[in-house]
N, C-alpha and C. Protein backbone atom coordinates (compact mmCIF):
# COMPACT_ATOMS: atom_id res chain seq x y z
N MET A 1 -47.89 -3.09 31.17
CA MET A 1 -46.91 -4.05 31.63
C MET A 1 -45.67 -4.03 30.74
N ASN A 2 -45.86 -4.15 29.44
CA ASN A 2 -44.75 -4.17 28.51
C ASN A 2 -44.83 -2.92 27.64
N ASP A 3 -44.22 -1.80 28.09
CA ASP A 3 -44.32 -0.52 27.41
C ASP A 3 -43.50 -0.46 26.14
N ALA A 4 -42.54 -1.36 25.95
CA ALA A 4 -41.68 -1.34 24.77
C ALA A 4 -42.42 -1.79 23.53
N LEU A 5 -43.48 -2.57 23.67
CA LEU A 5 -44.23 -3.05 22.51
C LEU A 5 -45.12 -1.95 21.96
N PRO A 6 -45.23 -1.85 20.63
CA PRO A 6 -46.12 -0.85 20.05
C PRO A 6 -47.57 -1.18 20.33
N LYS A 7 -48.41 -0.14 20.45
CA LYS A 7 -49.80 -0.36 20.83
C LYS A 7 -50.70 -0.58 19.63
N SER A 8 -50.34 -0.03 18.46
CA SER A 8 -51.21 -0.19 17.30
C SER A 8 -50.70 -1.31 16.40
N LYS A 9 -51.61 -1.80 15.55
CA LYS A 9 -51.25 -2.90 14.66
C LYS A 9 -50.30 -2.43 13.56
N THR A 10 -50.47 -1.19 13.06
CA THR A 10 -49.58 -0.68 12.01
C THR A 10 -48.16 -0.49 12.55
N ALA A 11 -48.06 -0.05 13.80
CA ALA A 11 -46.74 0.11 14.40
C ALA A 11 -46.07 -1.25 14.57
N LEU A 12 -46.85 -2.27 14.90
CA LEU A 12 -46.31 -3.62 15.05
C LEU A 12 -45.80 -4.14 13.71
N VAL A 13 -46.56 -3.90 12.63
CA VAL A 13 -46.13 -4.32 11.29
C VAL A 13 -44.86 -3.57 10.89
N ARG A 14 -44.80 -2.28 11.21
CA ARG A 14 -43.64 -1.48 10.86
C ARG A 14 -42.39 -1.96 11.60
N THR A 15 -42.52 -2.28 12.88
CA THR A 15 -41.35 -2.76 13.63
C THR A 15 -40.92 -4.14 13.16
N GLU A 16 -41.88 -4.99 12.78
CA GLU A 16 -41.52 -6.32 12.26
C GLU A 16 -40.79 -6.18 10.93
N ARG A 17 -41.24 -5.28 10.08
CA ARG A 17 -40.57 -5.04 8.80
C ARG A 17 -39.16 -4.50 9.04
N ALA A 18 -39.01 -3.64 10.02
CA ALA A 18 -37.69 -3.09 10.35
C ALA A 18 -36.77 -4.19 10.88
N ARG A 19 -37.31 -5.09 11.68
CA ARG A 19 -36.49 -6.20 12.19
C ARG A 19 -36.02 -7.11 11.07
N ARG A 20 -36.93 -7.43 10.14
CA ARG A 20 -36.53 -8.28 9.00
C ARG A 20 -35.47 -7.58 8.16
N SER A 21 -35.66 -6.30 7.92
CA SER A 21 -34.68 -5.53 7.14
C SER A 21 -33.33 -5.51 7.86
N HIS A 22 -33.36 -5.35 9.17
CA HIS A 22 -32.12 -5.34 9.94
C HIS A 22 -31.42 -6.69 9.88
N ARG A 23 -32.17 -7.76 10.00
CA ARG A 23 -31.57 -9.10 9.91
C ARG A 23 -30.94 -9.32 8.54
N LYS A 24 -31.65 -8.90 7.48
CA LYS A 24 -31.12 -9.08 6.13
C LYS A 24 -29.85 -8.26 5.94
N GLU A 25 -29.86 -7.01 6.39
CA GLU A 25 -28.68 -6.17 6.25
C GLU A 25 -27.51 -6.69 7.08
N SER A 26 -27.78 -7.15 8.29
CA SER A 26 -26.69 -7.66 9.11
C SER A 26 -26.11 -8.94 8.51
N PHE A 27 -26.94 -9.74 7.83
CA PHE A 27 -26.40 -10.92 7.18
C PHE A 27 -25.46 -10.52 6.05
N TRP A 28 -25.90 -9.60 5.18
CA TRP A 28 -25.10 -9.24 4.01
C TRP A 28 -23.87 -8.40 4.38
N GLN A 29 -23.94 -7.63 5.46
CA GLN A 29 -22.84 -6.73 5.79
C GLN A 29 -21.89 -7.28 6.84
N ILE A 30 -22.34 -8.25 7.65
CA ILE A 30 -21.48 -8.75 8.73
C ILE A 30 -21.23 -10.24 8.59
N VAL A 31 -22.28 -11.03 8.56
CA VAL A 31 -22.13 -12.48 8.63
C VAL A 31 -21.49 -13.03 7.36
N LEU A 32 -21.99 -12.65 6.19
CA LEU A 32 -21.46 -13.20 4.93
C LEU A 32 -19.98 -12.84 4.73
N PRO A 33 -19.55 -11.57 4.88
CA PRO A 33 -18.11 -11.30 4.73
C PRO A 33 -17.25 -12.05 5.74
N LEU A 34 -17.76 -12.19 6.97
CA LEU A 34 -17.01 -12.94 7.98
C LEU A 34 -16.87 -14.40 7.58
N LEU A 35 -17.96 -15.02 7.13
CA LEU A 35 -17.90 -16.42 6.69
C LEU A 35 -16.99 -16.60 5.48
N LEU A 36 -17.05 -15.66 4.53
CA LEU A 36 -16.17 -15.75 3.36
C LEU A 36 -14.70 -15.63 3.76
N GLY A 37 -14.40 -14.72 4.68
CA GLY A 37 -13.02 -14.55 5.12
C GLY A 37 -12.50 -15.79 5.85
N VAL A 38 -13.31 -16.33 6.73
CA VAL A 38 -12.91 -17.55 7.46
C VAL A 38 -12.78 -18.71 6.48
N GLY A 39 -13.71 -18.80 5.54
CA GLY A 39 -13.64 -19.87 4.54
C GLY A 39 -12.38 -19.77 3.69
N LEU A 40 -12.02 -18.57 3.29
CA LEU A 40 -10.80 -18.38 2.50
C LEU A 40 -9.57 -18.78 3.30
N ILE A 41 -9.52 -18.41 4.55
CA ILE A 41 -8.37 -18.77 5.39
C ILE A 41 -8.29 -20.28 5.57
N VAL A 42 -9.45 -20.90 5.83
CA VAL A 42 -9.47 -22.37 5.99
C VAL A 42 -9.03 -23.04 4.70
N TYR A 43 -9.48 -22.54 3.55
CA TYR A 43 -9.10 -23.12 2.26
C TYR A 43 -7.60 -22.99 2.03
N LEU A 44 -7.04 -21.81 2.33
CA LEU A 44 -5.60 -21.62 2.13
C LEU A 44 -4.78 -22.52 3.05
N VAL A 45 -5.20 -22.64 4.30
CA VAL A 45 -4.48 -23.53 5.22
C VAL A 45 -4.60 -24.98 4.76
N TYR A 46 -5.79 -25.38 4.29
CA TYR A 46 -5.98 -26.74 3.79
C TYR A 46 -5.07 -26.99 2.59
N GLN A 47 -5.02 -26.02 1.67
CA GLN A 47 -4.14 -26.19 0.50
C GLN A 47 -2.69 -26.29 0.91
N LEU A 48 -2.31 -25.51 1.91
CA LEU A 48 -0.93 -25.55 2.38
C LEU A 48 -0.60 -26.90 3.00
N LEU A 49 -1.53 -27.43 3.78
CA LEU A 49 -1.25 -28.69 4.48
C LEU A 49 -1.44 -29.92 3.59
N SER A 50 -2.33 -29.82 2.60
CA SER A 50 -2.61 -31.00 1.78
C SER A 50 -1.57 -31.22 0.68
N THR A 51 -0.96 -30.16 0.21
CA THR A 51 0.04 -30.35 -0.85
C THR A 51 1.30 -30.95 -0.25
N GLN A 52 1.83 -31.87 -0.95
CA GLN A 52 3.07 -32.49 -0.52
C GLN A 52 4.22 -31.65 -1.04
N ALA A 53 4.74 -30.80 -0.16
CA ALA A 53 5.85 -29.95 -0.57
C ALA A 53 7.08 -30.81 -0.81
N SER A 54 7.82 -30.43 -1.84
CA SER A 54 9.02 -31.21 -2.16
C SER A 54 10.07 -31.05 -1.08
N SER A 55 10.00 -29.96 -0.37
CA SER A 55 10.96 -29.78 0.72
C SER A 55 10.31 -28.91 1.80
N SER A 56 10.90 -28.93 2.95
CA SER A 56 10.38 -28.10 4.03
C SER A 56 10.66 -26.62 3.74
N GLU A 57 11.66 -26.37 2.92
CA GLU A 57 11.97 -24.98 2.56
C GLU A 57 10.82 -24.38 1.76
N GLN A 58 10.24 -25.13 0.85
CA GLN A 58 9.13 -24.64 0.04
C GLN A 58 7.89 -24.39 0.91
N ALA A 59 7.64 -25.29 1.85
CA ALA A 59 6.51 -25.11 2.76
C ALA A 59 6.72 -23.88 3.64
N ALA A 60 7.96 -23.65 4.06
CA ALA A 60 8.26 -22.48 4.88
C ALA A 60 8.05 -21.19 4.10
N GLN A 61 8.40 -21.20 2.83
CA GLN A 61 8.19 -20.02 1.99
C GLN A 61 6.71 -19.70 1.84
N VAL A 62 5.90 -20.73 1.66
CA VAL A 62 4.46 -20.52 1.55
C VAL A 62 3.91 -20.00 2.87
N ALA A 63 4.38 -20.54 3.99
CA ALA A 63 3.91 -20.09 5.30
C ALA A 63 4.28 -18.63 5.55
N VAL A 64 5.47 -18.24 5.12
CA VAL A 64 5.89 -16.84 5.29
C VAL A 64 5.00 -15.92 4.47
N ILE A 65 4.65 -16.33 3.28
CA ILE A 65 3.75 -15.53 2.46
C ILE A 65 2.39 -15.39 3.13
N LEU A 66 1.88 -16.49 3.67
CA LEU A 66 0.59 -16.42 4.36
C LEU A 66 0.66 -15.55 5.60
N LEU A 67 1.79 -15.54 6.28
CA LEU A 67 1.95 -14.69 7.45
C LEU A 67 2.10 -13.22 7.06
N ALA A 68 2.66 -12.94 5.90
CA ALA A 68 2.89 -11.56 5.48
C ALA A 68 1.64 -10.91 4.90
N LEU A 69 0.68 -11.70 4.45
CA LEU A 69 -0.52 -11.13 3.83
C LEU A 69 -1.30 -10.19 4.76
N PRO A 70 -1.53 -10.53 6.02
CA PRO A 70 -2.24 -9.57 6.88
C PRO A 70 -1.48 -8.25 7.05
N LEU A 71 -0.17 -8.32 7.12
CA LEU A 71 0.62 -7.10 7.23
C LEU A 71 0.53 -6.27 5.96
N LEU A 72 0.47 -6.94 4.83
CA LEU A 72 0.31 -6.24 3.57
C LEU A 72 -1.03 -5.51 3.52
N VAL A 73 -2.09 -6.18 3.94
CA VAL A 73 -3.41 -5.57 3.95
C VAL A 73 -3.44 -4.39 4.93
N LEU A 74 -2.83 -4.57 6.10
CA LEU A 74 -2.77 -3.50 7.08
C LEU A 74 -1.97 -2.31 6.54
N GLY A 75 -0.87 -2.59 5.87
CA GLY A 75 -0.06 -1.52 5.28
C GLY A 75 -0.81 -0.76 4.21
N ILE A 76 -1.57 -1.47 3.38
CA ILE A 76 -2.35 -0.79 2.35
C ILE A 76 -3.44 0.07 2.99
N ALA A 77 -4.07 -0.44 4.05
CA ALA A 77 -5.10 0.34 4.74
C ALA A 77 -4.50 1.59 5.37
N LEU A 78 -3.34 1.46 6.00
CA LEU A 78 -2.69 2.62 6.60
C LEU A 78 -2.23 3.62 5.53
N LEU A 79 -1.80 3.13 4.38
CA LEU A 79 -1.45 4.01 3.28
C LEU A 79 -2.67 4.80 2.81
N ALA A 80 -3.81 4.13 2.72
CA ALA A 80 -5.04 4.82 2.31
C ALA A 80 -5.42 5.88 3.34
N VAL A 81 -5.27 5.57 4.63
CA VAL A 81 -5.57 6.57 5.66
C VAL A 81 -4.61 7.75 5.55
N LEU A 82 -3.33 7.47 5.30
CA LEU A 82 -2.34 8.53 5.15
C LEU A 82 -2.67 9.42 3.96
N VAL A 83 -3.07 8.84 2.85
CA VAL A 83 -3.43 9.63 1.67
C VAL A 83 -4.65 10.49 1.98
N MET A 84 -5.63 9.92 2.67
CA MET A 84 -6.82 10.70 3.02
C MET A 84 -6.46 11.85 3.97
N LEU A 85 -5.55 11.61 4.91
CA LEU A 85 -5.12 12.68 5.80
C LEU A 85 -4.38 13.78 5.05
N MET A 86 -3.56 13.39 4.07
CA MET A 86 -2.86 14.39 3.26
C MET A 86 -3.84 15.25 2.47
N ILE A 87 -4.86 14.63 1.92
CA ILE A 87 -5.87 15.38 1.18
C ILE A 87 -6.60 16.33 2.14
N GLY A 88 -6.92 15.83 3.34
CA GLY A 88 -7.59 16.67 4.33
C GLY A 88 -6.74 17.85 4.76
N VAL A 89 -5.44 17.63 4.95
CA VAL A 89 -4.56 18.72 5.34
C VAL A 89 -4.45 19.75 4.22
N SER A 90 -4.41 19.30 2.97
CA SER A 90 -4.34 20.26 1.87
C SER A 90 -5.62 21.08 1.78
N LYS A 91 -6.77 20.46 2.00
CA LYS A 91 -8.04 21.20 2.01
C LYS A 91 -8.05 22.18 3.19
N LEU A 92 -7.54 21.74 4.34
CA LEU A 92 -7.49 22.58 5.52
C LEU A 92 -6.54 23.76 5.32
N SER A 93 -5.43 23.51 4.63
CA SER A 93 -4.47 24.59 4.41
C SER A 93 -5.01 25.65 3.47
N GLU A 94 -6.00 25.31 2.63
CA GLU A 94 -6.64 26.33 1.80
C GLU A 94 -7.54 27.22 2.64
N TRP A 95 -8.11 26.67 3.70
CA TRP A 95 -9.07 27.40 4.51
C TRP A 95 -8.40 28.17 5.66
N LEU A 96 -7.31 27.62 6.19
CA LEU A 96 -6.70 28.19 7.37
C LEU A 96 -6.04 29.56 7.21
N PRO A 97 -5.40 29.89 6.09
CA PRO A 97 -4.67 31.17 6.06
C PRO A 97 -5.51 32.38 6.43
N GLN A 98 -6.77 32.46 6.01
CA GLN A 98 -7.58 33.62 6.37
C GLN A 98 -7.77 33.69 7.89
N LEU A 99 -7.97 32.56 8.51
CA LEU A 99 -8.19 32.54 9.95
C LEU A 99 -6.89 32.74 10.71
N THR A 100 -5.81 32.17 10.22
CA THR A 100 -4.55 32.26 10.96
C THR A 100 -3.96 33.66 10.92
N VAL A 101 -4.27 34.47 9.91
CA VAL A 101 -3.76 35.84 9.88
C VAL A 101 -4.34 36.61 11.06
N ARG A 102 -5.63 36.44 11.31
CA ARG A 102 -6.26 37.11 12.45
C ARG A 102 -5.67 36.61 13.77
N ILE A 103 -5.50 35.31 13.87
CA ILE A 103 -4.95 34.73 15.10
C ILE A 103 -3.51 35.19 15.31
N LEU A 104 -2.72 35.26 14.23
CA LEU A 104 -1.34 35.71 14.34
C LEU A 104 -1.28 37.15 14.80
N ASP A 105 -2.14 38.01 14.27
CA ASP A 105 -2.18 39.40 14.73
C ASP A 105 -2.50 39.48 16.22
N LEU A 106 -3.46 38.70 16.66
CA LEU A 106 -3.84 38.69 18.07
C LEU A 106 -2.69 38.20 18.94
N VAL A 107 -2.01 37.15 18.51
CA VAL A 107 -0.89 36.61 19.28
C VAL A 107 0.26 37.60 19.33
N GLU A 108 0.54 38.28 18.21
CA GLU A 108 1.61 39.29 18.21
C GLU A 108 1.28 40.46 19.13
N THR A 109 0.02 40.88 19.15
CA THR A 109 -0.40 41.94 20.06
C THR A 109 -0.23 41.50 21.51
N MET A 110 -0.64 40.28 21.82
CA MET A 110 -0.49 39.77 23.18
C MET A 110 0.98 39.65 23.55
N ASN A 111 1.83 39.23 22.61
CA ASN A 111 3.26 39.09 22.85
C ASN A 111 3.89 40.45 23.14
N ALA A 112 3.51 41.45 22.35
CA ALA A 112 4.06 42.79 22.58
C ALA A 112 3.62 43.32 23.94
N GLY A 113 2.38 43.10 24.31
CA GLY A 113 1.91 43.52 25.63
C GLY A 113 2.65 42.81 26.75
N ALA A 114 2.92 41.53 26.57
CA ALA A 114 3.67 40.78 27.58
C ALA A 114 5.08 41.32 27.72
N HIS A 115 5.72 41.66 26.59
CA HIS A 115 7.08 42.23 26.65
C HIS A 115 7.07 43.59 27.35
N ARG A 116 6.07 44.43 27.02
CA ARG A 116 5.99 45.74 27.66
C ARG A 116 5.79 45.60 29.17
N SER A 117 4.89 44.70 29.57
CA SER A 117 4.65 44.54 31.00
C SER A 117 5.86 43.93 31.71
N ALA A 118 6.58 43.04 31.04
CA ALA A 118 7.79 42.47 31.65
C ALA A 118 8.87 43.53 31.81
N HIS A 119 9.03 44.40 30.79
CA HIS A 119 10.02 45.48 30.91
C HIS A 119 9.60 46.47 31.99
N TRP A 120 8.32 46.77 32.05
CA TRP A 120 7.80 47.69 33.07
C TRP A 120 8.04 47.13 34.47
N ALA A 121 7.81 45.82 34.64
CA ALA A 121 7.99 45.21 35.95
C ALA A 121 9.47 45.11 36.32
N ALA A 122 10.35 44.92 35.34
CA ALA A 122 11.77 44.74 35.63
C ALA A 122 12.52 46.07 35.74
N ARG A 123 11.95 47.18 35.20
CA ARG A 123 12.64 48.46 35.18
C ARG A 123 13.07 48.95 36.57
N PRO A 124 12.24 48.89 37.60
CA PRO A 124 12.72 49.36 38.92
C PRO A 124 13.87 48.52 39.46
N PHE A 125 13.81 47.22 39.26
CA PHE A 125 14.89 46.37 39.77
C PHE A 125 16.20 46.63 39.03
N LEU A 126 16.11 46.86 37.72
CA LEU A 126 17.31 47.17 36.95
C LEU A 126 17.88 48.53 37.36
N ALA A 127 17.01 49.51 37.63
CA ALA A 127 17.49 50.83 38.05
C ALA A 127 18.19 50.74 39.40
N ILE A 128 17.58 50.00 40.34
CA ILE A 128 18.21 49.85 41.66
C ILE A 128 19.55 49.15 41.54
N GLU A 129 19.59 48.11 40.71
CA GLU A 129 20.85 47.36 40.55
C GLU A 129 21.92 48.22 39.89
N SER A 130 21.54 49.02 38.90
CA SER A 130 22.55 49.86 38.24
C SER A 130 23.04 50.97 39.16
N TRP A 131 22.13 51.58 39.94
CA TRP A 131 22.56 52.61 40.89
C TRP A 131 23.44 52.01 41.98
N THR A 132 23.12 50.82 42.43
CA THR A 132 23.93 50.15 43.44
C THR A 132 25.32 49.86 42.89
N ALA A 133 25.39 49.39 41.67
CA ALA A 133 26.69 49.09 41.05
C ALA A 133 27.48 50.38 40.86
N ALA A 134 26.80 51.48 40.45
CA ALA A 134 27.51 52.74 40.24
C ALA A 134 28.04 53.29 41.55
N LEU A 135 27.22 53.23 42.60
CA LEU A 135 27.68 53.71 43.91
C LEU A 135 28.80 52.83 44.45
N GLY A 136 28.71 51.52 44.20
CA GLY A 136 29.76 50.62 44.64
C GLY A 136 31.08 50.94 43.96
N ARG A 137 31.08 51.28 42.70
CA ARG A 137 32.30 51.62 41.98
C ARG A 137 32.84 52.98 42.46
N LEU A 138 31.91 53.87 42.71
CA LEU A 138 32.32 55.21 43.15
C LEU A 138 33.04 55.15 44.50
N PHE A 139 32.46 54.41 45.44
CA PHE A 139 33.06 54.32 46.76
C PHE A 139 34.28 53.39 46.78
N LYS A 140 34.33 52.46 45.86
CA LYS A 140 35.46 51.52 45.82
C LYS A 140 36.71 52.25 45.34
N ARG A 141 36.57 53.21 44.42
CA ARG A 141 37.72 53.92 43.89
C ARG A 141 38.28 54.89 44.92
N GLY A 142 37.44 55.38 45.72
CA GLY A 142 37.88 56.42 46.62
C GLY A 142 38.53 55.97 47.84
């Protein structure tokens, strides 16, 4: 009836241990950081609203700083990604030259073949056009 449940007692103990381990890991890796982040934001907003700013200008400056913090974090994260991409490209550029020499030779061979076939295909049309122009000049002069 219920095929998803393990049939032996050791398998049942093993899956229960895995579930407990998963719950513990999800708490430490997902729930706790989320709660700490929300708590920090709530604390900062509370501090902003509870302090009696001497002027609205000072409160506006604090609000601008709080609004700029996520952009700062995003910018730092994007900078880290950019640095990692630069390192990856430098590692890739050490590996690519050996492979690209072979590819470049193949592409140059294909390019030369394409030029030869294009000249071969165009040669009869150019000959007909040049003979037509020569005959036209010959008969035009006479």
